[in-house]
Amino acid sequence: MAGQYPKQDLVVLLGTPTAESSRLYALTVTEGDPSWAGALAGANLGLPVYHVTEAAVKAQVAPEVYEEHVALMEMALEVGEIAQAVSAVRGQGSEAA
């Protein structure tokens, strides 16, 4: 999809359970697979990435939908650490651009 549509029309939404896994997936869709083992090795897609529990995402989802699909997960996760990890990757991407 990253090759078919302009980057400004795409966003990657993660639902990963830890800060480290969120960081890894965020790096993969922005800078390419950091392990150099997968299909995205060296593929710098530069896509914007967010976690589903981040305030910017939560604000755009109907409250009843968020409650039904995300709220329980949000209570069980370290959402602050996850948001920091994903935000840091976004920050790296904007500095490199």
N, C-alpha and C. Protein backbone atom coordinates (compact mmCIF):
# COMPACT_ATOMS: atom_id res chain seq x y z
N MET A 1 0.83 -1.19 0.00
CA MET A 1 0.00 0.00 0.00
C MET A 1 0.88 1.25 0.00
N ALA A 2 2.04 1.16 0.65
CA ALA A 2 2.91 2.33 0.72
C ALA A 2 3.40 2.74 -0.67
N GLY A 3 3.44 1.79 -1.59
CA GLY A 3 3.84 2.09 -2.95
C GLY A 3 2.69 2.58 -3.82
N GLN A 4 1.46 2.33 -3.40
CA GLN A 4 0.29 2.67 -4.19
C GLN A 4 -0.31 4.03 -3.83
N TYR A 5 -0.11 4.46 -2.59
CA TYR A 5 -0.75 5.69 -2.10
C TYR A 5 0.30 6.65 -1.56
N PRO A 6 0.01 7.95 -1.63
CA PRO A 6 0.94 8.92 -1.05
C PRO A 6 1.06 8.71 0.47
N LYS A 7 2.25 8.92 1.00
CA LYS A 7 2.48 8.72 2.43
C LYS A 7 1.55 9.56 3.29
N GLN A 8 1.23 10.75 2.83
CA GLN A 8 0.36 11.62 3.63
C GLN A 8 -1.07 11.09 3.71
N ASP A 9 -1.42 10.09 2.90
CA ASP A 9 -2.75 9.50 2.94
C ASP A 9 -2.79 8.21 3.77
N LEU A 10 -1.66 7.82 4.36
CA LEU A 10 -1.60 6.58 5.12
C LEU A 10 -1.18 6.84 6.56
N VAL A 11 -1.63 5.97 7.43
CA VAL A 11 -1.18 5.97 8.82
C VAL A 11 -1.17 4.52 9.29
N VAL A 12 -0.18 4.17 10.09
CA VAL A 12 -0.09 2.83 10.65
C VAL A 12 -0.58 2.91 12.09
N LEU A 13 -1.49 2.04 12.43
CA LEU A 13 -2.07 2.02 13.76
C LEU A 13 -1.68 0.70 14.43
N LEU A 14 -0.92 0.80 15.52
CA LEU A 14 -0.46 -0.38 16.23
C LEU A 14 -1.37 -0.72 17.40
N GLY A 15 -1.40 -1.97 17.76
CA GLY A 15 -2.10 -2.43 18.95
C GLY A 15 -1.19 -3.33 19.77
N THR A 16 0.10 -3.11 19.66
CA THR A 16 1.11 -3.94 20.31
C THR A 16 1.08 -3.80 21.83
N PRO A 17 1.48 -4.86 22.57
CA PRO A 17 1.28 -4.89 24.01
C PRO A 17 2.37 -4.29 24.89
N THR A 18 3.53 -4.02 24.33
CA THR A 18 4.62 -3.49 25.16
C THR A 18 5.30 -2.31 24.46
N ALA A 19 6.04 -1.54 25.23
CA ALA A 19 6.78 -0.42 24.65
C ALA A 19 7.82 -0.92 23.66
N GLU A 20 8.52 -1.99 24.00
CA GLU A 20 9.57 -2.50 23.12
C GLU A 20 9.00 -3.03 21.81
N SER A 21 7.91 -3.79 21.87
CA SER A 21 7.33 -4.30 20.63
C SER A 21 6.76 -3.15 19.80
N SER A 22 6.20 -2.16 20.46
CA SER A 22 5.66 -0.99 19.75
C SER A 22 6.78 -0.24 19.05
N ARG A 23 7.90 -0.05 19.74
CA ARG A 23 9.05 0.62 19.15
C ARG A 23 9.56 -0.16 17.93
N LEU A 24 9.67 -1.48 18.06
CA LEU A 24 10.17 -2.32 16.97
C LEU A 24 9.27 -2.22 15.73
N TYR A 25 7.97 -2.33 15.92
CA TYR A 25 7.05 -2.24 14.79
C TYR A 25 7.02 -0.82 14.21
N ALA A 26 7.10 0.17 15.07
CA ALA A 26 7.13 1.55 14.58
C ALA A 26 8.37 1.79 13.74
N LEU A 27 9.52 1.31 14.19
CA LEU A 27 10.75 1.44 13.41
C LEU A 27 10.63 0.71 12.08
N THR A 28 9.99 -0.45 12.10
CA THR A 28 9.86 -1.25 10.87
C THR A 28 9.08 -0.51 9.79
N VAL A 29 8.00 0.17 10.16
CA VAL A 29 7.19 0.86 9.14
C VAL A 29 7.70 2.26 8.82
N THR A 30 8.66 2.75 9.59
CA THR A 30 9.24 4.06 9.27
C THR A 30 10.59 3.91 8.59
N GLU A 31 11.49 3.13 9.19
CA GLU A 31 12.86 3.03 8.69
C GLU A 31 13.16 1.71 7.99
N GLY A 32 12.29 0.73 8.12
CA GLY A 32 12.56 -0.60 7.58
C GLY A 32 12.85 -1.56 8.71
N ASP A 33 12.85 -2.84 8.42
CA ASP A 33 13.05 -3.87 9.43
C ASP A 33 14.44 -3.74 10.07
N PRO A 34 14.51 -3.39 11.37
CA PRO A 34 15.80 -3.19 12.01
C PRO A 34 16.60 -4.48 12.17
N SER A 35 15.97 -5.63 12.06
CA SER A 35 16.70 -6.90 12.16
C SER A 35 17.30 -7.31 10.82
N TRP A 36 16.91 -6.63 9.78
CA TRP A 36 17.34 -6.94 8.40
C TRP A 36 16.99 -8.38 8.02
N ALA A 37 15.95 -8.93 8.62
CA ALA A 37 15.59 -10.32 8.34
C ALA A 37 14.27 -10.44 7.57
N GLY A 38 13.44 -9.42 7.60
CA GLY A 38 12.12 -9.53 7.01
C GLY A 38 12.00 -8.86 5.66
N ALA A 39 10.80 -8.87 5.15
CA ALA A 39 10.52 -8.31 3.82
C ALA A 39 10.75 -6.81 3.76
N LEU A 40 10.73 -6.12 4.91
CA LEU A 40 10.92 -4.67 4.92
C LEU A 40 12.36 -4.27 5.28
N ALA A 41 13.29 -5.20 5.21
CA ALA A 41 14.69 -4.89 5.49
C ALA A 41 15.17 -3.80 4.54
N GLY A 42 15.61 -2.69 5.10
CA GLY A 42 16.11 -1.59 4.28
C GLY A 42 15.05 -0.78 3.57
N ALA A 43 13.78 -1.10 3.79
CA ALA A 43 12.69 -0.39 3.13
C ALA A 43 12.26 0.79 4.00
N ASN A 44 12.76 1.96 3.72
CA ASN A 44 12.43 3.15 4.49
C ASN A 44 11.09 3.68 3.99
N LEU A 45 10.00 3.25 4.64
CA LEU A 45 8.66 3.64 4.19
C LEU A 45 8.28 5.03 4.70
N GLY A 46 8.82 5.44 5.83
CA GLY A 46 8.54 6.77 6.37
C GLY A 46 7.07 7.01 6.69
N LEU A 47 6.35 5.97 7.06
CA LEU A 47 4.93 6.11 7.35
C LEU A 47 4.69 6.63 8.76
N PRO A 48 3.69 7.48 8.94
CA PRO A 48 3.35 7.92 10.30
C PRO A 48 2.76 6.74 11.07
N VAL A 49 3.16 6.61 12.32
CA VAL A 49 2.73 5.47 13.11
C VAL A 49 2.26 5.94 14.49
N TYR A 50 1.15 5.34 14.93
CA TYR A 50 0.56 5.66 16.23
C TYR A 50 0.12 4.36 16.88
N HIS A 51 -0.03 4.40 18.20
CA HIS A 51 -0.60 3.26 18.92
C HIS A 51 -2.06 3.58 19.18
N VAL A 52 -2.89 2.58 19.16
CA VAL A 52 -4.34 2.77 19.31
C VAL A 52 -4.71 3.42 20.64
N THR A 53 -3.86 3.33 21.64
CA THR A 53 -4.16 3.93 22.94
C THR A 53 -3.67 5.37 23.08
N GLU A 54 -3.00 5.90 22.08
CA GLU A 54 -2.52 7.29 22.16
C GLU A 54 -3.70 8.25 22.11
N ALA A 55 -3.55 9.35 22.83
CA ALA A 55 -4.63 10.35 22.93
C ALA A 55 -5.09 10.86 21.56
N ALA A 56 -4.15 11.04 20.63
CA ALA A 56 -4.50 11.55 19.30
C ALA A 56 -5.41 10.58 18.55
N VAL A 57 -5.23 9.31 18.78
CA VAL A 57 -6.08 8.30 18.14
C VAL A 57 -7.40 8.18 18.89
N LYS A 58 -7.30 8.08 20.19
CA LYS A 58 -8.49 7.91 21.03
C LYS A 58 -9.50 9.04 20.77
N ALA A 59 -9.01 10.24 20.56
CA ALA A 59 -9.89 11.39 20.33
C ALA A 59 -10.66 11.29 19.02
N GLN A 60 -10.20 10.45 18.10
CA GLN A 60 -10.84 10.34 16.80
C GLN A 60 -11.76 9.13 16.67
N VAL A 61 -11.85 8.35 17.74
CA VAL A 61 -12.69 7.15 17.72
C VAL A 61 -13.93 7.41 18.56
N ALA A 62 -15.08 7.00 18.06
CA ALA A 62 -16.32 7.14 18.82
C ALA A 62 -16.15 6.48 20.18
N PRO A 63 -16.53 7.17 21.25
CA PRO A 63 -16.33 6.62 22.60
C PRO A 63 -16.87 5.21 22.81
N GLU A 64 -18.03 4.92 22.25
CA GLU A 64 -18.60 3.58 22.44
C GLU A 64 -17.79 2.51 21.70
N VAL A 65 -17.23 2.87 20.57
CA VAL A 65 -16.38 1.94 19.81
C VAL A 65 -15.08 1.70 20.56
N TYR A 66 -14.48 2.78 21.05
CA TYR A 66 -13.23 2.66 21.81
C TYR A 66 -13.47 1.81 23.06
N GLU A 67 -14.56 2.05 23.74
CA GLU A 67 -14.90 1.30 24.96
C GLU A 67 -15.04 -0.19 24.65
N GLU A 68 -15.70 -0.50 23.57
CA GLU A 68 -15.95 -1.90 23.22
C GLU A 68 -14.68 -2.63 22.78
N HIS A 69 -13.81 -1.95 22.05
CA HIS A 69 -12.70 -2.64 21.41
C HIS A 69 -11.33 -2.39 22.04
N VAL A 70 -11.15 -1.32 22.78
CA VAL A 70 -9.81 -0.95 23.25
C VAL A 70 -9.71 -0.73 24.75
N ALA A 71 -10.75 -0.30 25.39
CA ALA A 71 -10.67 0.14 26.79
C ALA A 71 -10.10 -0.92 27.73
N LEU A 72 -10.48 -2.16 27.59
CA LEU A 72 -9.96 -3.21 28.46
C LEU A 72 -8.45 -3.38 28.27
N MET A 73 -8.03 -3.38 27.02
CA MET A 73 -6.61 -3.49 26.72
C MET A 73 -5.86 -2.29 27.31
N GLU A 74 -6.44 -1.11 27.18
CA GLU A 74 -5.81 0.11 27.67
C GLU A 74 -5.56 0.03 29.18
N MET A 75 -6.48 -0.57 29.91
CA MET A 75 -6.33 -0.70 31.37
C MET A 75 -5.21 -1.66 31.74
N ALA A 76 -4.92 -2.63 30.88
CA ALA A 76 -3.93 -3.66 31.19
C ALA A 76 -2.52 -3.31 30.73
N LEU A 77 -2.38 -2.33 29.85
CA LEU A 77 -1.08 -2.00 29.27
C LEU A 77 -0.44 -0.80 29.94
N GLU A 78 0.86 -0.68 29.76
CA GLU A 78 1.61 0.50 30.19
C GLU A 78 1.52 1.52 29.06
N VAL A 79 0.36 2.18 28.95
CA VAL A 79 0.10 3.03 27.79
C VAL A 79 1.04 4.23 27.72
N GLY A 80 1.47 4.75 28.85
CA GLY A 80 2.40 5.88 28.83
C GLY A 80 3.73 5.50 28.21
N GLU A 81 4.27 4.35 28.59
CA GLU A 81 5.53 3.87 28.04
C GLU A 81 5.40 3.56 26.55
N ILE A 82 4.28 2.97 26.19
CA ILE A 82 4.05 2.63 24.78
C ILE A 82 3.96 3.91 23.94
N ALA A 83 3.20 4.88 24.42
CA ALA A 83 3.06 6.15 23.70
C ALA A 83 4.41 6.84 23.56
N GLN A 84 5.22 6.80 24.60
CA GLN A 84 6.55 7.42 24.54
C GLN A 84 7.41 6.74 23.48
N ALA A 85 7.38 5.41 23.44
CA ALA A 85 8.20 4.66 22.48
C ALA A 85 7.80 4.99 21.05
N VAL A 86 6.51 5.01 20.77
CA VAL A 86 6.04 5.29 19.41
C VAL A 86 6.29 6.75 19.05
N SER A 87 6.05 7.64 19.99
CA SER A 87 6.30 9.06 19.76
C SER A 87 7.78 9.33 19.47
N ALA A 88 8.66 8.64 20.17
CA ALA A 88 10.09 8.81 19.95
C ALA A 88 10.47 8.39 18.52
N VAL A 89 9.88 7.31 18.04
CA VAL A 89 10.16 6.89 16.66
C VAL A 89 9.63 7.93 15.68
N ARG A 90 8.44 8.46 15.93
CA ARG A 90 7.91 9.52 15.05
C ARG A 90 8.85 10.71 15.05
N GLY A 91 9.38 11.06 16.22
CA GLY A 91 10.31 12.19 16.33
C GLY A 91 11.58 11.97 15.54
N GLN A 92 12.08 10.74 15.55
CA GLN A 92 13.28 10.40 14.78
C GLN A 92 13.01 10.58 13.30
N GLY A 93 11.82 10.16 12.88
CA GLY A 93 11.46 10.26 11.47
C GLY A 93 11.38 11.71 11.00
N SER A 94 10.84 12.58 11.84
CA SER A 94 10.71 13.98 11.43
C SER A 94 12.05 14.67 11.41
N GLU A 95 12.99 14.23 12.27
CA GLU A 95 14.33 14.81 12.25
C GLU A 95 15.10 14.38 11.01
N ALA A 96 14.85 13.15 10.57
CA ALA A 96 15.56 12.63 9.41
C ALA A 96 15.01 13.19 8.11
N ALA A 97 13.77 13.66 8.12
CA ALA A 97 13.13 14.15 6.89
C ALA A 97 13.68 15.49 6.46
